Amino acid sequence: MTKYAPTKGDLQFHLGFSLVGLALMCAGVFYRGLPSRPAMFEVIGVSTLFLGGTAIWTMRKLKKGEYSDGL
């Protein structure tokens, strides 16, 4: 598409990193239990928004084919 877009490999790395991050966050919450007060917002809110948003954005880009050729 555009020469400044991330390559397909970059997007696949972003997706894998995001999914592993979400899995580790879920494993930590499962192992340690739900955090309380400000930690709840930080651990659950910020990390879920960042990693989940990145995963959704990357899946949309891969599905639509919006990545560069890497040239």
C-alpha atoms as a PDB file:
ATOM      1  CA  MET A   1       0.000   0.000   0.000  1.00  0.00           C
ATOM      2  CA  THR A   2       2.076   2.898   1.249  1.00  0.00           C
ATOM      3  CA  LYS A   3       5.821   2.739   1.593  1.00  0.00           C
ATOM      4  CA  TYR A   4       5.708   4.196   5.132  1.00  0.00           C
ATOM      5  CA  ALA A   5       3.284   1.643   6.569  1.00  0.00           C
ATOM      6  CA  PRO A   6       4.585  -1.167   8.797  1.00  0.00           C
ATOM      7  CA  THR A   7       5.456  -4.386   6.989  1.00  0.00           C
ATOM      8  CA  LYS A   8       3.447  -7.571   7.381  1.00  0.00           C
ATOM      9  CA  GLY A   9       6.186  -8.992   9.616  1.00  0.00           C
ATOM     10  CA  ASP A  10       6.046  -5.909  11.844  1.00  0.00           C
ATOM     11  CA  LEU A  11       2.292  -6.258  12.223  1.00  0.00           C
ATOM     12  CA  GLN A  12       2.588  -9.959  13.014  1.00  0.00           C
ATOM     13  CA  PHE A  13       5.167  -9.143  15.699  1.00  0.00           C
ATOM     14  CA  HIS A  14       2.873  -6.465  17.179  1.00  0.00           C
ATOM     15  CA  LEU A  15      -0.019  -8.928  17.252  1.00  0.00           C
ATOM     16  CA  GLY A  16       2.032 -11.673  18.882  1.00  0.00           C
ATOM     17  CA  PHE A  17       3.504  -9.277  21.460  1.00  0.00           C
ATOM     18  CA  SER A  18       0.057  -7.921  22.328  1.00  0.00           C
ATOM     19  CA  LEU A  19      -1.511 -11.356  22.698  1.00  0.00           C
ATOM     20  CA  VAL A  20       1.365 -12.633  24.845  1.00  0.00           C
ATOM     21  CA  GLY A  21       1.112  -9.485  26.995  1.00  0.00           C
ATOM     22  CA  LEU A  22      -2.628  -9.980  27.482  1.00  0.00           C
ATOM     23  CA  ALA A  23      -2.070 -13.646  28.338  1.00  0.00           C
ATOM     24  CA  LEU A  24       0.616 -12.747  30.900  1.00  0.00           C
ATOM     25  CA  MET A  25      -1.623 -10.102  32.442  1.00  0.00           C
ATOM     26  CA  CYS A  26      -4.469 -12.618  32.736  1.00  0.00           C
ATOM     27  CA  ALA A  27      -2.112 -15.220  34.210  1.00  0.00           C
ATOM     28  CA  GLY A  28      -0.848 -12.687  36.763  1.00  0.00           C
ATOM     29  CA  VAL A  29      -4.364 -11.704  37.786  1.00  0.00           C
ATOM     30  CA  PHE A  30      -5.352 -15.370  38.005  1.00  0.00           C
ATOM     31  CA  TYR A  31      -2.286 -16.204  40.121  1.00  0.00           C
ATOM     32  CA  ARG A  32      -2.265 -13.132  42.394  1.00  0.00           C
ATOM     33  CA  GLY A  33      -5.939 -12.182  42.382  1.00  0.00           C
ATOM     34  CA  LEU A  34      -7.504  -8.885  41.401  1.00  0.00           C
ATOM     35  CA  PRO A  35      -5.564  -5.824  42.542  1.00  0.00           C
ATOM     36  CA  SER A  36      -7.258  -3.148  44.618  1.00  0.00           C
ATOM     37  CA  ARG A  37      -7.817   0.582  44.195  1.00  0.00           C
ATOM     38  CA  PRO A  38      -5.282   2.416  41.936  1.00  0.00           C
ATOM     39  CA  ALA A  39      -3.525  -0.793  40.932  1.00  0.00           C
ATOM     40  CA  MET A  40      -6.805  -2.085  39.506  1.00  0.00           C
ATOM     41  CA  PHE A  41      -6.954   0.856  37.097  1.00  0.00           C
ATOM     42  CA  GLU A  42      -3.284   0.539  36.177  1.00  0.00           C
ATOM     43  CA  VAL A  43      -3.096  -3.222  35.744  1.00  0.00           C
ATOM     44  CA  ILE A  44      -6.500  -3.927  34.289  1.00  0.00           C
ATOM     45  CA  GLY A  45      -7.414  -0.639  32.631  1.00  0.00           C
ATOM     46  CA  VAL A  46      -4.239   0.703  31.071  1.00  0.00           C
ATOM     47  CA  SER A  47      -2.684  -2.604  30.068  1.00  0.00           C
ATOM     48  CA  THR A  48      -5.930  -3.947  28.614  1.00  0.00           C
ATOM     49  CA  LEU A  49      -6.535  -0.750  26.647  1.00  0.00           C
ATOM     50  CA  PHE A  50      -2.979  -0.617  25.321  1.00  0.00           C
ATOM     51  CA  LEU A  51      -2.439  -4.300  24.538  1.00  0.00           C
ATOM     52  CA  GLY A  52      -6.032  -4.944  23.457  1.00  0.00           C
ATOM     53  CA  GLY A  53      -6.131  -1.821  21.319  1.00  0.00           C
ATOM     54  CA  THR A  54      -2.848  -2.743  19.651  1.00  0.00           C
ATOM     55  CA  ALA A  55      -4.095  -6.274  18.974  1.00  0.00           C
ATOM     56  CA  ILE A  56      -7.368  -5.024  17.440  1.00  0.00           C
ATOM     57  CA  TRP A  57      -5.595  -2.367  15.348  1.00  0.00           C
ATOM     58  CA  THR A  58      -3.089  -4.935  14.081  1.00  0.00           C
ATOM     59  CA  MET A  59      -5.747  -7.532  13.231  1.00  0.00           C
ATOM     60  CA  ARG A  60      -7.682  -4.912  11.252  1.00  0.00           C
ATOM     61  CA  LYS A  61      -4.553  -3.898   9.325  1.00  0.00           C
ATOM     62  CA  LEU A  62      -3.655  -7.511   8.544  1.00  0.00           C
ATOM     63  CA  LYS A  63      -7.208  -8.391   7.496  1.00  0.00           C
ATOM     64  CA  LYS A  64      -7.487  -5.367   5.183  1.00  0.00           C
ATOM     65  CA  GLY A  65      -3.996  -5.883   3.783  1.00  0.00           C
ATOM     66  CA  GLU A  66      -2.862  -2.392   4.815  1.00  0.00           C
ATOM     67  CA  TYR A  67       0.874  -2.973   5.065  1.00  0.00           C
ATOM     68  CA  SER A  68       3.889  -2.090   2.989  1.00  0.00           C
ATOM     69  CA  ASP A  69       5.844  -4.441   0.798  1.00  0.00           C
ATOM     70  CA  GLY A  70       8.982  -3.720   2.793  1.00  0.00           C
ATOM     71  CA  LEU A  71      10.784  -2.201  -0.185  1.00  0.00           C
END
